[in-house]
N, C-alpha and C. Protein backbone atom coordinates (compact mmCIF):
# COMPACT_ATOMS: atom_id res chain seq x y z
N MET A 1 6.52 21.60 -23.11
CA MET A 1 7.67 21.60 -24.03
C MET A 1 8.62 20.43 -23.61
N SER A 2 9.35 20.01 -24.68
CA SER A 2 10.13 18.71 -24.46
C SER A 2 11.10 18.86 -23.40
N LYS A 3 11.60 17.66 -22.82
CA LYS A 3 12.68 17.70 -21.95
C LYS A 3 13.90 17.57 -22.48
N ALA A 4 14.18 17.45 -23.87
CA ALA A 4 15.33 17.42 -24.75
C ALA A 4 16.17 18.71 -24.50
N ASN A 5 17.41 18.59 -24.77
CA ASN A 5 18.39 19.86 -24.56
C ASN A 5 17.84 20.79 -25.69
N ARG A 6 17.88 22.02 -25.35
CA ARG A 6 17.62 23.01 -26.39
C ARG A 6 18.92 23.30 -27.32
N VAL A 7 18.56 23.15 -28.60
CA VAL A 7 19.43 23.32 -29.58
C VAL A 7 19.58 24.96 -29.80
N ILE A 8 20.79 25.14 -29.63
CA ILE A 8 21.24 26.60 -29.98
C ILE A 8 22.03 26.86 -31.55
N ARG A 9 22.45 25.74 -31.94
CA ARG A 9 23.15 26.00 -33.40
C ARG A 9 22.71 24.51 -33.85
N LEU A 10 22.43 24.75 -35.17
CA LEU A 10 22.43 23.48 -36.07
C LEU A 10 23.64 23.07 -36.77
N THR A 11 24.13 21.86 -36.30
CA THR A 11 25.29 21.32 -37.01
C THR A 11 24.89 20.13 -37.95
N SER A 12 25.59 19.61 -38.68
CA SER A 12 25.18 18.41 -39.53
C SER A 12 24.75 17.21 -38.71
N ALA A 13 25.61 17.08 -37.56
CA ALA A 13 25.17 15.91 -36.57
C ALA A 13 23.77 16.15 -36.05
N THR A 14 23.57 17.34 -35.65
CA THR A 14 22.28 17.65 -34.91
C THR A 14 20.97 17.67 -35.90
N CYS A 15 21.39 17.94 -37.27
CA CYS A 15 20.23 17.88 -38.20
C CYS A 15 19.91 16.26 -38.35
N GLU A 16 20.84 15.67 -38.35
CA GLU A 16 20.72 14.16 -38.50
C GLU A 16 19.91 13.45 -37.55
N GLN A 17 20.24 14.05 -36.37
CA GLN A 17 19.62 13.50 -35.03
C GLN A 17 18.16 13.90 -35.10
N ILE A 18 17.93 15.06 -35.36
CA ILE A 18 16.57 15.67 -35.46
C ILE A 18 15.58 14.98 -36.46
N GLN A 19 16.32 14.75 -37.72
CA GLN A 19 15.60 14.27 -38.84
C GLN A 19 15.27 12.59 -38.45
N ALA A 20 16.20 12.15 -37.72
CA ALA A 20 15.88 10.72 -37.50
C ALA A 20 14.76 10.50 -36.54
N ARG A 21 14.46 11.43 -35.56
CA ARG A 21 13.33 11.51 -34.51
C ARG A 21 12.11 11.77 -35.36
N MET A 22 12.19 12.87 -36.20
CA MET A 22 11.08 13.18 -36.96
C MET A 22 10.72 12.10 -37.93
N LEU A 23 11.52 11.34 -38.56
CA LEU A 23 11.21 10.22 -39.40
C LEU A 23 10.49 9.16 -38.68
N GLU A 24 11.00 8.86 -37.45
CA GLU A 24 10.39 7.64 -36.57
C GLU A 24 8.90 8.23 -36.42
N THR A 25 8.67 9.20 -35.97
CA THR A 25 7.29 9.87 -35.64
C THR A 25 6.37 9.76 -36.83
N CYS A 26 6.96 10.20 -37.99
CA CYS A 26 6.09 10.35 -39.15
C CYS A 26 5.98 8.90 -39.75
N ARG A 27 6.92 7.91 -39.51
CA ARG A 27 6.72 6.57 -39.80
C ARG A 27 5.44 5.93 -39.20
N GLN A 28 5.09 6.26 -37.85
CA GLN A 28 4.04 5.90 -37.22
C GLN A 28 2.70 6.53 -37.75
N ILE A 29 2.69 7.65 -38.16
CA ILE A 29 1.58 8.42 -38.70
C ILE A 29 1.36 7.73 -39.99
N ALA A 30 2.39 7.59 -40.87
CA ALA A 30 2.13 6.95 -42.21
C ALA A 30 1.49 5.67 -42.12
N SER A 31 2.17 4.81 -41.02
CA SER A 31 1.77 3.26 -40.96
C SER A 31 0.12 3.53 -40.55
N ASP A 32 -0.28 4.23 -39.68
CA ASP A 32 -1.56 4.43 -39.43
C ASP A 32 -2.59 4.67 -40.61
N HIS A 33 -1.95 4.99 -41.60
CA HIS A 33 -2.76 5.35 -42.78
C HIS A 33 -2.39 4.27 -43.97
N GLY A 34 -1.59 3.28 -43.69
CA GLY A 34 -1.38 2.29 -44.61
C GLY A 34 -0.27 2.77 -45.65
N LEU A 35 0.56 3.71 -45.20
CA LEU A 35 1.58 4.23 -46.11
C LEU A 35 2.86 4.06 -45.78
N LEU A 36 3.67 4.17 -46.57
CA LEU A 36 5.24 4.07 -46.21
C LEU A 36 5.85 5.54 -46.29
N ILE A 37 6.92 5.61 -45.42
CA ILE A 37 7.65 6.91 -45.49
C ILE A 37 9.15 6.80 -45.56
N GLU A 38 10.00 7.30 -46.19
CA GLU A 38 11.32 7.07 -46.34
C GLU A 38 12.02 8.47 -46.08
N SER A 39 13.13 8.49 -45.88
CA SER A 39 14.05 9.49 -45.77
C SER A 39 14.46 10.05 -47.11
N ALA A 40 14.42 11.18 -47.40
CA ALA A 40 15.10 11.66 -48.73
C ALA A 40 16.37 12.55 -48.50
N GLY A 41 16.69 12.39 -47.20
CA GLY A 41 17.79 13.08 -46.70
C GLY A 41 17.46 14.56 -46.29
N TRP A 42 18.35 15.58 -46.37
CA TRP A 42 18.01 16.81 -46.02
C TRP A 42 18.79 17.78 -46.78
N ARG A 43 18.21 19.10 -46.94
CA ARG A 43 19.03 19.97 -47.68
C ARG A 43 18.72 21.30 -47.19
N GLY A 44 19.35 22.30 -47.93
CA GLY A 44 19.25 23.69 -47.37
C GLY A 44 19.72 24.04 -46.25
N LEU A 45 20.86 23.40 -45.75
CA LEU A 45 21.34 23.82 -44.61
C LEU A 45 21.92 25.22 -44.59
N GLU A 46 21.33 25.94 -43.63
CA GLU A 46 21.78 27.39 -43.50
C GLU A 46 22.63 27.28 -42.23
N PRO A 47 23.98 27.21 -42.37
CA PRO A 47 24.84 26.84 -41.14
C PRO A 47 24.24 27.52 -39.92
N GLY A 48 24.00 26.63 -38.87
CA GLY A 48 23.65 27.10 -37.60
C GLY A 48 22.09 27.60 -37.39
N PHE A 49 21.45 27.78 -38.44
CA PHE A 49 20.08 28.21 -38.25
C PHE A 49 18.84 27.44 -38.80
N SER A 50 19.02 26.70 -40.02
CA SER A 50 17.79 26.17 -40.62
C SER A 50 18.23 24.95 -41.60
N PHE A 51 17.38 23.96 -41.72
CA PHE A 51 17.60 22.91 -42.67
C PHE A 51 16.22 22.41 -43.12
N GLU A 52 16.22 21.87 -44.29
CA GLU A 52 14.83 21.26 -44.90
C GLU A 52 14.96 19.76 -44.89
N PRO A 53 14.23 19.18 -43.93
CA PRO A 53 14.21 17.69 -43.85
C PRO A 53 13.34 17.28 -45.21
N ALA A 54 13.58 16.24 -45.87
CA ALA A 54 12.82 15.61 -47.12
C ALA A 54 12.42 14.13 -46.82
N PHE A 55 11.19 13.91 -47.07
CA PHE A 55 10.62 12.69 -46.80
C PHE A 55 9.90 12.16 -47.98
N ARG A 56 9.86 11.03 -48.41
CA ARG A 56 9.13 10.37 -49.49
C ARG A 56 8.06 9.50 -48.82
N ILE A 57 6.78 9.91 -49.20
CA ILE A 57 5.56 9.13 -48.73
C ILE A 57 4.95 8.37 -49.92
N SER A 58 4.72 7.03 -49.77
CA SER A 58 4.25 6.11 -50.85
C SER A 58 3.36 5.25 -50.36
N ILE A 59 2.51 4.74 -51.36
CA ILE A 59 1.52 3.54 -51.05
C ILE A 59 2.61 2.39 -51.39
N PRO A 60 2.41 1.30 -50.53
CA PRO A 60 3.41 0.24 -50.55
C PRO A 60 2.97 -0.61 -51.67
N ALA A 61 3.87 -1.45 -52.20
CA ALA A 61 3.66 -2.40 -53.35
C ALA A 61 2.87 -3.59 -52.60
N PRO A 62 2.32 -4.53 -53.37
CA PRO A 62 1.69 -5.61 -52.68
C PRO A 62 2.54 -6.48 -51.96
N ASP A 63 4.00 -6.42 -52.07
CA ASP A 63 4.87 -7.16 -51.12
C ASP A 63 5.30 -6.39 -49.95
N GLY A 64 4.78 -5.18 -49.78
CA GLY A 64 4.98 -4.14 -48.59
C GLY A 64 6.23 -3.41 -48.99
N SER A 65 6.76 -3.70 -50.07
CA SER A 65 7.93 -2.72 -50.32
C SER A 65 7.55 -1.32 -50.93
N SER A 66 8.50 -0.53 -51.13
CA SER A 66 8.29 0.95 -51.59
C SER A 66 8.05 0.75 -53.03
N GLN A 67 7.18 1.43 -53.69
CA GLN A 67 7.02 1.50 -55.18
C GLN A 67 7.85 2.64 -55.58
N SER A 68 8.71 2.35 -56.58
CA SER A 68 9.51 3.51 -57.24
C SER A 68 8.58 4.16 -58.31
N GLY A 69 9.05 5.46 -58.46
CA GLY A 69 8.52 6.12 -59.53
C GLY A 69 7.26 7.08 -59.19
């Protein structure tokens, strides 16, 4: 188990911190496969109990940027 402080209530700030850490880990995994990942924010905050992180995974354009569409 992680040594991070145990979360007992999800606030907007906590959701942002958790998603930022998740995004960083997911970026490494996507990079290992030649893909890009971008945050698409989060939604579905049920105050104090749950939220849905959203990510967009894509094949990079030839210049390394994200392709839209």
